[in-house]
Amino acid sequence: MIDSEEVKQTTTELFEQSLSESQEEHYTLRLYISGTTLQSVTALQNIKKICEEHLQGRYELEVIDIYQQKESVIAENIVAVPTLIKKLPLPLQKMIGNLSNTEKVLIGLNLVRKKK
């Protein structure tokens, strides 16, 4: 017979393990910009700041200038810039704009839960 105290302990251990694994997830991000426009530069500064504060050592950020790599714009179906794509961890997520709303970016990256 299984003791309810054992079940609680096992459930708690599993929860804590899951929580620690999610905090160690590696993020693969891709930012599409258009040259050195104000919006593009602002988006790059904002995402770098967010990554250093919340994902330090756990992210890879690739910056793609659409003027230099037009083929990737078509492949990723980019319709506006700046666009940030979270490739990993899944699910894939796209965010358009200069990324100045830190709370929305953190929600989009699944780093914080959306407030109800």
PDB file of N, CA and C in Angstrom:
ATOM      1  N   MET A   1       0.837  -1.170   0.000  1.00  0.00           N
ATOM      2  CA  MET A   1       0.000   0.000   0.000  1.00  0.00           C
ATOM      3  C   MET A   1       0.891   1.246   0.000  1.00  0.00           C
ATOM      4  N   ILE A   2       0.509   2.249  -0.796  1.00  0.00           N
ATOM      5  CA  ILE A   2       1.291   3.474  -0.913  1.00  0.00           C
ATOM      6  C   ILE A   2       0.823   4.472   0.134  1.00  0.00           C
ATOM      7  N   ASP A   3       1.776   4.993   0.844  1.00  0.00           N
ATOM      8  CA  ASP A   3       1.507   5.981   1.876  1.00  0.00           C
ATOM      9  C   ASP A   3       1.272   7.350   1.214  1.00  0.00           C
ATOM     10  N   SER A   4       0.238   8.069   1.665  1.00  0.00           N
ATOM     11  CA  SER A   4      -0.070   9.374   1.073  1.00  0.00           C
ATOM     12  C   SER A   4       1.078  10.357   1.281  1.00  0.00           C
ATOM     13  N   GLU A   5       1.832  10.182   2.335  1.00  0.00           N
ATOM     14  CA  GLU A   5       2.982  11.052   2.592  1.00  0.00           C
ATOM     15  C   GLU A   5       4.060  10.818   1.530  1.00  0.00           C
ATOM     16  N   GLU A   6       4.232   9.548   1.092  1.00  0.00           N
ATOM     17  CA  GLU A   6       5.195   9.230   0.034  1.00  0.00           C
ATOM     18  C   GLU A   6       4.768   9.865  -1.276  1.00  0.00           C
ATOM     19  N   VAL A   7       3.485   9.820  -1.575  1.00  0.00           N
ATOM     20  CA  VAL A   7       2.966  10.408  -2.816  1.00  0.00           C
ATOM     21  C   VAL A   7       3.206  11.911  -2.816  1.00  0.00           C
ATOM     22  N   LYS A   8       2.940  12.578  -1.692  1.00  0.00           N
ATOM     23  CA  LYS A   8       3.174  14.018  -1.579  1.00  0.00           C
ATOM     24  C   LYS A   8       4.642  14.336  -1.814  1.00  0.00           C
ATOM     25  N   GLN A   9       5.516  13.562  -1.191  1.00  0.00           N
ATOM     26  CA  GLN A   9       6.943  13.804  -1.324  1.00  0.00           C
ATOM     27  C   GLN A   9       7.381  13.616  -2.776  1.00  0.00           C
ATOM     28  N   THR A  10       6.921  12.543  -3.418  1.00  0.00           N
ATOM     29  CA  THR A  10       7.282  12.278  -4.807  1.00  0.00           C
ATOM     30  C   THR A  10       6.759  13.382  -5.712  1.00  0.00           C
ATOM     31  N   THR A  11       5.527  13.807  -5.519  1.00  0.00           N
ATOM     32  CA  THR A  11       4.939  14.872  -6.325  1.00  0.00           C
ATOM     33  C   THR A  11       5.721  16.166  -6.137  1.00  0.00           C
ATOM     34  N   THR A  12       6.065  16.474  -4.912  1.00  0.00           N
ATOM     35  CA  THR A  12       6.843  17.684  -4.624  1.00  0.00           C
ATOM     36  C   THR A  12       8.208  17.614  -5.287  1.00  0.00           C
ATOM     37  N   GLU A  13       8.856  16.455  -5.209  1.00  0.00           N
ATOM     38  CA  GLU A  13      10.167  16.294  -5.832  1.00  0.00           C
ATOM     39  C   GLU A  13      10.076  16.471  -7.347  1.00  0.00           C
ATOM     40  N   LEU A  14       9.057  15.895  -7.961  1.00  0.00           N
ATOM     41  CA  LEU A  14       8.872  16.029  -9.400  1.00  0.00           C
ATOM     42  C   LEU A  14       8.632  17.482  -9.794  1.00  0.00           C
ATOM     43  N   PHE A  15       7.816  18.179  -9.014  1.00  0.00           N
ATOM     44  CA  PHE A  15       7.537  19.594  -9.276  1.00  0.00           C
ATOM     45  C   PHE A  15       8.820  20.416  -9.178  1.00  0.00           C
ATOM     46  N   GLU A  16       9.587  20.206  -8.133  1.00  0.00           N
ATOM     47  CA  GLU A  16      10.828  20.960  -7.952  1.00  0.00           C
ATOM     48  C   GLU A  16      11.830  20.656  -9.062  1.00  0.00           C
ATOM     49  N   GLN A  17      11.887  19.405  -9.495  1.00  0.00           N
ATOM     50  CA  GLN A  17      12.778  19.030 -10.587  1.00  0.00           C
ATOM     51  C   GLN A  17      12.352  19.723 -11.876  1.00  0.00           C
ATOM     52  N   SER A  18      11.059  19.714 -12.152  1.00  0.00           N
ATOM     53  CA  SER A  18      10.535  20.366 -13.347  1.00  0.00           C
ATOM     54  C   SER A  18      10.822  21.858 -13.325  1.00  0.00           C
ATOM     55  N   LEU A  19      10.645  22.483 -12.164  1.00  0.00           N
ATOM     56  CA  LEU A  19      10.898  23.909 -12.009  1.00  0.00           C
ATOM     57  C   LEU A  19      12.369  24.224 -12.259  1.00  0.00           C
ATOM     58  N   SER A  20      13.260  23.430 -11.704  1.00  0.00           N
ATOM     59  CA  SER A  20      14.690  23.700 -11.893  1.00  0.00           C
ATOM     60  C   SER A  20      15.098  23.475 -13.347  1.00  0.00           C
ATOM     61  N   GLU A  21      14.503  22.489 -14.017  1.00  0.00           N
ATOM     62  CA  GLU A  21      14.820  22.253 -15.422  1.00  0.00           C
ATOM     63  C   GLU A  21      14.350  23.419 -16.282  1.00  0.00           C
ATOM     64  N   SER A  22      13.168  23.967 -15.992  1.00  0.00           N
ATOM     65  CA  SER A  22      12.663  25.086 -16.783  1.00  0.00           C
ATOM     66  C   SER A  22      13.533  26.318 -16.583  1.00  0.00           C
ATOM     67  N   GLN A  23      14.130  26.459 -15.414  1.00  0.00           N
ATOM     68  CA  GLN A  23      15.007  27.590 -15.164  1.00  0.00           C
ATOM     69  C   GLN A  23      16.352  27.414 -15.853  1.00  0.00           C
ATOM     70  N   GLU A  24      16.658  26.210 -16.297  1.00  0.00           N
ATOM     71  CA  GLU A  24      17.924  25.934 -16.952  1.00  0.00           C
ATOM     72  C   GLU A  24      17.771  25.795 -18.465  1.00  0.00           C
ATOM     73  N   GLU A  25      16.559  25.965 -18.990  1.00  0.00           N
ATOM     74  CA  GLU A  25      16.342  25.819 -20.417  1.00  0.00           C
ATOM     75  C   GLU A  25      17.168  26.837 -21.193  1.00  0.00           C
ATOM     76  N   HIS A  26      17.660  26.398 -22.334  1.00  0.00           N
ATOM     77  CA  HIS A  26      18.436  27.261 -23.207  1.00  0.00           C
ATOM     78  C   HIS A  26      17.498  27.852 -24.256  1.00  0.00           C
ATOM     79  N   TYR A  27      17.600  29.136 -24.476  1.00  0.00           N
ATOM     80  CA  TYR A  27      16.733  29.834 -25.413  1.00  0.00           C
ATOM     81  C   TYR A  27      17.486  30.158 -26.691  1.00  0.00           C
ATOM     82  N   THR A  28      16.854  29.860 -27.819  1.00  0.00           N
ATOM     83  CA  THR A  28      17.391  30.218 -29.117  1.00  0.00           C
ATOM     84  C   THR A  28      16.468  31.278 -29.695  1.00  0.00           C
ATOM     85  N   LEU A  29      17.022  32.472 -29.877  1.00  0.00           N
ATOM     86  CA  LEU A  29      16.239  33.613 -30.343  1.00  0.00           C
ATOM     87  C   LEU A  29      16.828  34.147 -31.636  1.00  0.00           C
ATOM     88  N   ARG A  30      15.949  34.654 -32.496  1.00  0.00           N
ATOM     89  CA  ARG A  30      16.383  35.255 -33.751  1.00  0.00           C
ATOM     90  C   ARG A  30      15.654  36.590 -33.899  1.00  0.00           C
ATOM     91  N   LEU A  31      16.419  37.673 -34.050  1.00  0.00           N
ATOM     92  CA  LEU A  31      15.844  39.002 -34.201  1.00  0.00           C
ATOM     93  C   LEU A  31      16.082  39.493 -35.619  1.00  0.00           C
ATOM     94  N   TYR A  32      14.998  39.795 -36.306  1.00  0.00           N
ATOM     95  CA  TYR A  32      15.063  40.350 -37.653  1.00  0.00           C
ATOM     96  C   TYR A  32      14.949  41.861 -37.550  1.00  0.00           C
ATOM     97  N   ILE A  33      15.934  42.560 -38.139  1.00  0.00           N
ATOM     98  CA  ILE A  33      15.940  44.015 -38.107  1.00  0.00           C
ATOM     99  C   ILE A  33      16.118  44.549 -39.532  1.00  0.00           C
ATOM    100  N   SER A  34      15.904  45.856 -39.680  1.00  0.00           N
ATOM    101  CA  SER A  34      16.117  46.492 -40.986  1.00  0.00           C
ATOM    102  C   SER A  34      17.184  47.573 -40.835  1.00  0.00           C
ATOM    103  N   GLY A  35      18.420  47.181 -40.994  1.00  0.00           N
ATOM    104  CA  GLY A  35      19.534  48.117 -40.902  1.00  0.00           C
ATOM    105  C   GLY A  35      19.652  48.730 -39.523  1.00  0.00           C
ATOM    106  N   THR A  36      19.935  50.024 -39.504  1.00  0.00           N
ATOM    107  CA  THR A  36      20.138  50.723 -38.241  1.00  0.00           C
ATOM    108  C   THR A  36      19.023  51.733 -37.975  1.00  0.00           C
ATOM    109  N   THR A  37      17.801  51.363 -38.337  1.00  0.00           N
ATOM    110  CA  THR A  37      16.668  52.244 -38.048  1.00  0.00           C
ATOM    111  C   THR A  37      16.472  52.334 -36.535  1.00  0.00           C
ATOM    112  N   LEU A  38      15.802  53.384 -36.104  1.00  0.00           N
ATOM    113  CA  LEU A  38      15.569  53.588 -34.677  1.00  0.00           C
ATOM    114  C   LEU A  38      14.852  52.388 -34.057  1.00  0.00           C
ATOM    115  N   GLN A  39      13.815  51.895 -34.727  1.00  0.00           N
ATOM    116  CA  GLN A  39      13.060  50.740 -34.205  1.00  0.00           C
ATOM    117  C   GLN A  39      13.952  49.507 -34.077  1.00  0.00           C
ATOM    118  N   SER A  40      14.778  49.263 -35.067  1.00  0.00           N
ATOM    119  CA  SER A  40      15.658  48.091 -35.045  1.00  0.00           C
ATOM    120  C   SER A  40      16.701  48.183 -33.941  1.00  0.00           C
ATOM    121  N   VAL A  41      17.338  49.342 -33.812  1.00  0.00           N
ATOM    122  CA  VAL A  41      18.350  49.531 -32.777  1.00  0.00           C
ATOM    123  C   VAL A  41      17.718  49.415 -31.395  1.00  0.00           C
ATOM    124  N   THR A  42      16.529  50.001 -31.233  1.00  0.00           N
ATOM    125  CA  THR A  42      15.826  49.929 -29.948  1.00  0.00           C
ATOM    126  C   THR A  42      15.467  48.490 -29.609  1.00  0.00           C
ATOM    127  N   ALA A  43      14.964  47.747 -30.583  1.00  0.00           N
ATOM    128  CA  ALA A  43      14.607  46.338 -30.358  1.00  0.00           C
ATOM    129  C   ALA A  43      15.831  45.537 -29.946  1.00  0.00           C
ATOM    130  N   LEU A  44      16.948  45.755 -30.608  1.00  0.00           N
ATOM    131  CA  LEU A  44      18.177  45.028 -30.283  1.00  0.00           C
ATOM    132  C   LEU A  44      18.639  45.356 -28.865  1.00  0.00           C
ATOM    133  N   GLN A  45      18.628  46.627 -28.504  1.00  0.00           N
ATOM    134  CA  GLN A  45      19.024  47.018 -27.144  1.00  0.00           C
ATOM    135  C   GLN A  45      18.087  46.401 -26.113  1.00  0.00           C
ATOM    136  N   ASN A  46      16.779  46.438 -26.389  1.00  0.00           N
ATOM    137  CA  ASN A  46      15.797  45.905 -25.433  1.00  0.00           C
ATOM    138  C   ASN A  46      15.944  44.407 -25.232  1.00  0.00           C
ATOM    139  N   ILE A  47      16.095  43.654 -26.320  1.00  0.00           N
ATOM    140  CA  ILE A  47      16.175  42.200 -26.164  1.00  0.00           C
ATOM    141  C   ILE A  47      17.496  41.801 -25.505  1.00  0.00           C
ATOM    142  N   LYS A  48      18.567  42.517 -25.783  1.00  0.00           N
ATOM    143  CA  LYS A  48      19.842  42.214 -25.106  1.00  0.00           C
ATOM    144  C   LYS A  48      19.720  42.447 -23.606  1.00  0.00           C
ATOM    145  N   LYS A  49      19.079  43.543 -23.229  1.00  0.00           N
ATOM    146  CA  LYS A  49      18.901  43.860 -21.812  1.00  0.00           C
ATOM    147  C   LYS A  49      18.038  42.791 -21.130  1.00  0.00           C
ATOM    148  N   ILE A  50      16.936  42.409 -21.770  1.00  0.00           N
ATOM    149  CA  ILE A  50      16.038  41.392 -21.208  1.00  0.00           C
ATOM    150  C   ILE A  50      16.777  40.059 -21.062  1.00  0.00           C
ATOM    151  N   CYS A  51      17.508  39.676 -22.085  1.00  0.00           N
ATOM    152  CA  CYS A  51      18.242  38.400 -22.037  1.00  0.00           C
ATOM    153  C   CYS A  51      19.294  38.400 -20.940  1.00  0.00           C
ATOM    154  N   GLU A  52      20.030  39.483 -20.791  1.00  0.00           N
ATOM    155  CA  GLU A  52      21.067  39.538 -19.761  1.00  0.00           C
ATOM    156  C   GLU A  52      20.470  39.532 -18.357  1.00  0.00           C
ATOM    157  N   GLU A  53      19.295  40.130 -18.188  1.00  0.00           N
ATOM    158  CA  GLU A  53      18.661  40.163 -16.873  1.00  0.00           C
ATOM    159  C   GLU A  53      17.953  38.860 -16.512  1.00  0.00           C
ATOM    160  N   HIS A  54      17.373  38.176 -17.508  1.00  0.00           N
ATOM    161  CA  HIS A  54      16.514  37.031 -17.217  1.00  0.00           C
ATOM    162  C   HIS A  54      17.032  35.695 -17.750  1.00  0.00           C
ATOM    163  N   LEU A  55      17.968  35.725 -18.694  1.00  0.00           N
ATOM    164  CA  LEU A  55      18.440  34.480 -19.313  1.00  0.00           C
ATOM    165  C   LEU A  55      19.963  34.389 -19.347  1.00  0.00           C
ATOM    166  N   GLN A  56      20.627  35.092 -18.481  1.00  0.00           N
ATOM    167  CA  GLN A  56      22.082  35.173 -18.533  1.00  0.00           C
ATOM    168  C   GLN A  56      22.728  33.793 -18.633  1.00  0.00           C
ATOM    169  N   GLY A  57      23.511  33.627 -19.695  1.00  0.00           N
ATOM    170  CA  GLY A  57      24.209  32.373 -19.915  1.00  0.00           C
ATOM    171  C   GLY A  57      23.349  31.254 -20.472  1.00  0.00           C
ATOM    172  N   ARG A  58      22.069  31.544 -20.748  1.00  0.00           N
ATOM    173  CA  ARG A  58      21.153  30.490 -21.216  1.00  0.00           C
ATOM    174  C   ARG A  58      20.478  30.860 -22.531  1.00  0.00           C
ATOM    175  N   TYR A  59      21.116  31.719 -23.320  1.00  0.00           N
ATOM    176  CA  TYR A  59      20.460  32.100 -24.564  1.00  0.00           C
ATOM    177  C   TYR A  59      21.466  32.285 -25.680  1.00  0.00           C
ATOM    178  N   GLU A  60      20.958  32.159 -26.884  1.00  0.00           N
ATOM    179  CA  GLU A  60      21.716  32.441 -28.092  1.00  0.00           C
ATOM    180  C   GLU A  60      20.846  33.398 -28.897  1.00  0.00           C
ATOM    181  N   LEU A  61      21.380  34.558 -29.221  1.00  0.00           N
ATOM    182  CA  LEU A  61      20.643  35.563 -29.979  1.00  0.00           C
ATOM    183  C   LEU A  61      21.318  35.769 -31.314  1.00  0.00           C
ATOM    184  N   GLU A  62      20.571  35.483 -32.377  1.00  0.00           N
ATOM    185  CA  GLU A  62      21.065  35.712 -33.731  1.00  0.00           C
ATOM    186  C   GLU A  62      20.332  36.928 -34.283  1.00  0.00           C
ATOM    187  N   VAL A  63      21.083  37.891 -34.778  1.00  0.00           N
ATOM    188  CA  VAL A  63      20.498  39.107 -35.340  1.00  0.00           C
ATOM    189  C   VAL A  63      20.661  39.049 -36.851  1.00  0.00           C
ATOM    190  N   ILE A  64      19.539  39.213 -37.555  1.00  0.00           N
ATOM    191  CA  ILE A  64      19.543  39.120 -39.009  1.00  0.00           C
ATOM    192  C   ILE A  64      19.019  40.429 -39.590  1.00  0.00           C
ATOM    193  N   ASP A  65      19.861  41.064 -40.397  1.00  0.00           N
ATOM    194  CA  ASP A  65      19.468  42.284 -41.100  1.00  0.00           C
ATOM    195  C   ASP A  65      18.790  41.854 -42.405  1.00  0.00           C
ATOM    196  N   ILE A  66      17.539  42.236 -42.566  1.00  0.00           N
ATOM    197  CA  ILE A  66      16.775  41.775 -43.733  1.00  0.00           C
ATOM    198  C   ILE A  66      17.358  42.300 -45.045  1.00  0.00           C
ATOM    199  N   TYR A  67      18.115  43.392 -44.997  1.00  0.00           N
ATOM    200  CA  TYR A  67      18.750  43.915 -46.212  1.00  0.00           C
ATOM    201  C   TYR A  67      19.926  43.047 -46.635  1.00  0.00           C
ATOM    202  N   GLN A  68      20.524  42.341 -45.699  1.00  0.00           N
ATOM    203  CA  GLN A  68      21.689  41.511 -45.983  1.00  0.00           C
ATOM    204  C   GLN A  68      21.304  40.055 -46.279  1.00  0.00           C
ATOM    205  N   GLN A  69      20.191  39.575 -45.693  1.00  0.00           N
ATOM    206  CA  GLN A  69      19.796  38.170 -45.844  1.00  0.00           C
ATOM    207  C   GLN A  69      18.323  38.069 -46.232  1.00  0.00           C
ATOM    208  N   LYS A  70      18.008  38.494 -47.422  1.00  0.00           N
ATOM    209  CA  LYS A  70      16.621  38.535 -47.878  1.00  0.00           C
ATOM    210  C   LYS A  70      15.971  37.149 -47.942  1.00  0.00           C
ATOM    211  N   GLU A  71      16.755  36.130 -48.241  1.00  0.00           N
ATOM    212  CA  GLU A  71      16.203  34.780 -48.359  1.00  0.00           C
ATOM    213  C   GLU A  71      15.631  34.275 -47.039  1.00  0.00           C
ATOM    214  N   SER A  72      16.226  34.665 -45.924  1.00  0.00           N
ATOM    215  CA  SER A  72      15.721  34.196 -44.627  1.00  0.00           C
ATOM    216  C   SER A  72      14.396  34.860 -44.269  1.00  0.00           C
ATOM    217  N   VAL A  73      14.151  36.061 -44.796  1.00  0.00           N
ATOM    218  CA  VAL A  73      12.875  36.751 -44.565  1.00  0.00           C
ATOM    219  C   VAL A  73      11.745  35.936 -45.170  1.00  0.00           C
ATOM    220  N   ILE A  74      11.960  35.427 -46.345  1.00  0.00           N
ATOM    221  CA  ILE A  74      10.952  34.610 -47.030  1.00  0.00           C
ATOM    222  C   ILE A  74      10.788  33.277 -46.310  1.00  0.00           C
ATOM    223  N   ALA A  75      11.894  32.654 -45.963  1.00  0.00           N
ATOM    224  CA  ALA A  75      11.845  31.349 -45.302  1.00  0.00           C
ATOM    225  C   ALA A  75      11.111  31.408 -43.964  1.00  0.00           C
ATOM    226  N   GLU A  76      11.275  32.500 -43.209  1.00  0.00           N
ATOM    227  CA  GLU A  76      10.641  32.637 -41.886  1.00  0.00           C
ATOM    228  C   GLU A  76       9.292  33.346 -41.948  1.00  0.00           C
ATOM    229  N   ASN A  77       8.889  33.762 -43.156  1.00  0.00           N
ATOM    230  CA  ASN A  77       7.607  34.451 -43.346  1.00  0.00           C
ATOM    231  C   ASN A  77       7.528  35.722 -42.486  1.00  0.00           C
ATOM    232  N   ILE A  78       8.567  36.543 -42.569  1.00  0.00           N
ATOM    233  CA  ILE A  78       8.627  37.794 -41.826  1.00  0.00           C
ATOM    234  C   ILE A  78       7.826  38.843 -42.590  1.00  0.00           C
ATOM    235  N   VAL A  79       6.846  39.453 -41.923  1.00  0.00           N
ATOM    236  CA  VAL A  79       5.987  40.447 -42.570  1.00  0.00           C
ATOM    237  C   VAL A  79       6.238  41.858 -42.047  1.00  0.00           C
ATOM    238  N   ALA A  80       6.931  41.997 -40.930  1.00  0.00           N
ATOM    239  CA  ALA A  80       7.242  43.294 -40.351  1.00  0.00           C
ATOM    240  C   ALA A  80       8.542  43.172 -39.565  1.00  0.00           C
ATOM    241  N   VAL A  81       9.240  44.292 -39.447  1.00  0.00           N
ATOM    242  CA  VAL A  81      10.455  44.303 -38.644  1.00  0.00           C
ATOM    243  C   VAL A  81      10.409  45.500 -37.715  1.00  0.00           C
ATOM    244  N   PRO A  82      11.019  45.393 -36.567  1.00  0.00           N
ATOM    245  CA  PRO A  82      11.731  44.234 -36.045  1.00  0.00           C
ATOM    246  C   PRO A  82      10.788  43.115 -35.615  1.00  0.00           C
ATOM    247  N   THR A  83      11.228  41.886 -35.807  1.00  0.00           N
ATOM    248  CA  THR A  83      10.507  40.693 -35.373  1.00  0.00           C
ATOM    249  C   THR A  83      11.464  39.800 -34.599  1.00  0.00           C
ATOM    250  N   LEU A  84      11.025  39.383 -33.415  1.00  0.00           N
ATOM    251  CA  LEU A  84      11.787  38.436 -32.612  1.00  0.00           C
ATOM    252  C   LEU A  84      11.100  37.087 -32.697  1.00  0.00           C
ATOM    253  N   ILE A  85      11.876  36.054 -32.997  1.00  0.00           N
ATOM    254  CA  ILE A  85      11.349  34.694 -33.033  1.00  0.00           C
ATOM    255  C   ILE A  85      12.039  33.890 -31.942  1.00  0.00           C
ATOM    256  N   LYS A  86      11.235  33.280 -31.080  1.00  0.00           N
ATOM    257  CA  LYS A  86      11.762  32.343 -30.080  1.00  0.00           C
ATOM    258  C   LYS A  86      11.671  30.961 -30.716  1.00  0.00           C
ATOM    259  N   LYS A  87      12.811  30.422 -31.101  1.00  0.00           N
ATOM    260  CA  LYS A  87      12.859  29.098 -31.731  1.00  0.00           C
ATOM    261  C   LYS A  87      12.766  27.990 -30.691  1.00  0.00           C
ATOM    262  N   LEU A  88      13.550  28.131 -29.630  1.00  0.00           N
ATOM    263  CA  LEU A  88      13.568  27.142 -28.554  1.00  0.00           C
ATOM    264  C   LEU A  88      13.565  27.861 -27.228  1.00  0.00           C
ATOM    265  N   PRO A  89      12.994  27.320 -26.213  1.00  0.00           N
ATOM    266  CA  PRO A  89      12.213  26.086 -26.185  1.00  0.00           C
ATOM    267  C   PRO A  89      10.863  26.285 -26.875  1.00  0.00           C
ATOM    268  N   LEU A  90      10.339  25.187 -27.355  1.00  0.00           N
ATOM    269  CA  LEU A  90       9.044  25.214 -28.021  1.00  0.00           C
ATOM    270  C   LEU A  90       7.965  25.612 -27.026  1.00  0.00           C
ATOM    271  N   PRO A  91       6.871  26.185 -27.424  1.00  0.00           N
ATOM    272  CA  PRO A  91       6.451  26.437 -28.793  1.00  0.00           C
ATOM    273  C   PRO A  91       7.128  27.678 -29.367  1.00  0.00           C
ATOM    274  N   LEU A  92       7.247  27.686 -30.693  1.00  0.00           N
ATOM    275  CA  LEU A  92       7.785  28.822 -31.408  1.00  0.00           C
ATOM    276  C   LEU A  92       6.892  30.031 -31.135  1.00  0.00           C
ATOM    277  N   GLN A  93       7.509  31.183 -30.984  1.00  0.00           N
ATOM    278  CA  GLN A  93       6.752  32.406 -30.677  1.00  0.00           C
ATOM    279  C   GLN A  93       7.347  33.551 -31.479  1.00  0.00           C
ATOM    280  N   LYS A  94       6.479  34.402 -32.061  1.00  0.00           N
ATOM    281  CA  LYS A  94       6.938  35.591 -32.787  1.00  0.00           C
ATOM    282  C   LYS A  94       6.408  36.833 -32.089  1.00  0.00           C
ATOM    283  N   MET A  95       7.271  37.845 -31.994  1.00  0.00           N
ATOM    284  CA  MET A  95       6.887  39.133 -31.419  1.00  0.00           C
ATOM    285  C   MET A  95       7.367  40.229 -32.364  1.00  0.00           C
ATOM    286  N   ILE A  96       6.469  41.148 -32.676  1.00  0.00           N
ATOM    287  CA  ILE A  96       6.783  42.234 -33.595  1.00  0.00           C
ATOM    288  C   ILE A  96       6.836  43.536 -32.817  1.00  0.00           C
ATOM    289  N   GLY A  97       7.805  44.374 -33.148  1.00  0.00           N
ATOM    290  CA  GLY A  97       7.913  45.686 -32.522  1.00  0.00           C
ATOM    291  C   GLY A  97       9.282  45.893 -31.910  1.00  0.00           C
ATOM    292  N   ASN A  98       9.423  47.002 -31.178  1.00  0.00           N
ATOM    293  CA  ASN A  98      10.738  47.341 -30.627  1.00  0.00           C
ATOM    294  C   ASN A  98      11.014  46.684 -29.276  1.00  0.00           C
ATOM    295  N   LEU A  99      10.101  45.825 -28.814  1.00  0.00           N
ATOM    296  CA  LEU A  99      10.283  45.015 -27.606  1.00  0.00           C
ATOM    297  C   LEU A  99      10.453  45.874 -26.352  1.00  0.00           C
ATOM    298  N   SER A 100       9.844  47.044 -26.347  1.00  0.00           N
ATOM    299  CA  SER A 100       9.981  47.951 -25.208  1.00  0.00           C
ATOM    300  C   SER A 100       9.066  47.577 -24.045  1.00  0.00           C
ATOM    301  N   ASN A 101       8.026  46.778 -24.305  1.00  0.00           N
ATOM    302  CA  ASN A 101       7.145  46.325 -23.226  1.00  0.00           C
ATOM    303  C   ASN A 101       7.735  45.033 -22.656  1.00  0.00           C
ATOM    304  N   THR A 102       8.577  45.196 -21.659  1.00  0.00           N
ATOM    305  CA  THR A 102       9.309  44.059 -21.083  1.00  0.00           C
ATOM    306  C   THR A 102       8.377  42.960 -20.606  1.00  0.00           C
ATOM    307  N   GLU A 103       7.274  43.326 -19.973  1.00  0.00           N
ATOM    308  CA  GLU A 103       6.344  42.316 -19.462  1.00  0.00           C
ATOM    309  C   GLU A 103       5.793  41.447 -20.589  1.00  0.00           C
ATOM    310  N   LYS A 104       5.425  42.057 -21.706  1.00  0.00           N
ATOM    311  CA  LYS A 104       4.901  41.277 -22.835  1.00  0.00           C
ATOM    312  C   LYS A 104       5.976  40.377 -23.433  1.00  0.00           C
ATOM    313  N   VAL A 105       7.192  40.856 -23.473  1.00  0.00           N
ATOM    314  CA  VAL A 105       8.289  40.033 -24.003  1.00  0.00           C
ATOM    315  C   VAL A 105       8.533  38.842 -23.083  1.00  0.00           C
ATOM    316  N   LEU A 106       8.542  39.080 -21.779  1.00  0.00           N
ATOM    317  CA  LEU A 106       8.744  37.982 -20.823  1.00  0.00           C
ATOM    318  C   LEU A 106       7.622  36.955 -20.921  1.00  0.00           C
ATOM    319  N   ILE A 107       6.391  37.417 -21.123  1.00  0.00           N
ATOM    320  CA  ILE A 107       5.264  36.491 -21.313  1.00  0.00           C
ATOM    321  C   ILE A 107       5.453  35.716 -22.608  1.00  0.00           C
ATOM    322  N   GLY A 108       5.856  36.402 -23.670  1.00  0.00           N
ATOM    323  CA  GLY A 108       6.090  35.751 -24.955  1.00  0.00           C
ATOM    324  C   GLY A 108       7.198  34.718 -24.918  1.00  0.00           C
ATOM    325  N   LEU A 109       8.170  34.950 -24.064  1.00  0.00           N
ATOM    326  CA  LEU A 109       9.269  33.994 -23.905  1.00  0.00           C
ATOM    327  C   LEU A 109       8.941  32.922 -22.875  1.00  0.00           C
ATOM    328  N   ASN A 110       7.758  32.983 -22.302  1.00  0.00           N
ATOM    329  CA  ASN A 110       7.305  32.053 -21.248  1.00  0.00           C
ATOM    330  C   ASN A 110       8.186  32.119 -20.010  1.00  0.00           C
ATOM    331  N   LEU A 111       8.667  33.311 -19.695  1.00  0.00           N
ATOM    332  CA  LEU A 111       9.467  33.491 -18.489  1.00  0.00           C
ATOM    333  C   LEU A 111       8.601  33.929 -17.312  1.00  0.00           C
ATOM    334  N   VAL A 112       7.455  34.503 -17.587  1.00  0.00           N
ATOM    335  CA  VAL A 112       6.481  34.837 -16.565  1.00  0.00           C
ATOM    336  C   VAL A 112       5.106  34.463 -17.085  1.00  0.00           C
ATOM    337  N   ARG A 113       4.194  34.211 -16.173  1.00  0.00           N
ATOM    338  CA  ARG A 113       2.824  33.865 -16.534  1.00  0.00           C
ATOM    339  C   ARG A 113       2.017  35.128 -16.754  1.00  0.00           C
ATOM    340  N   LYS A 114       1.085  35.046 -17.670  1.00  0.00           N
ATOM    341  CA  LYS A 114       0.186  36.173 -17.944  1.00  0.00           C
ATOM    342  C   LYS A 114      -0.739  36.384 -16.768  1.00  0.00           C
ATOM    343  N   LYS A 115      -0.866  37.648 -16.347  1.00  0.00           N
ATOM    344  CA  LYS A 115      -1.762  37.971 -15.227  1.00  0.00           C
ATOM    345  C   LYS A 115      -3.198  37.954 -15.716  1.00  0.00           C
ATOM    346  N   LYS A 116      -4.092  37.416 -14.886  1.00  0.00           N
ATOM    347  CA  LYS A 116      -5.499  37.322 -15.288  1.00  0.00           C
ATOM    348  C   LYS A 116      -6.271  38.510 -14.803  1.00  0.00           C
TER     349      LYS A 116
END
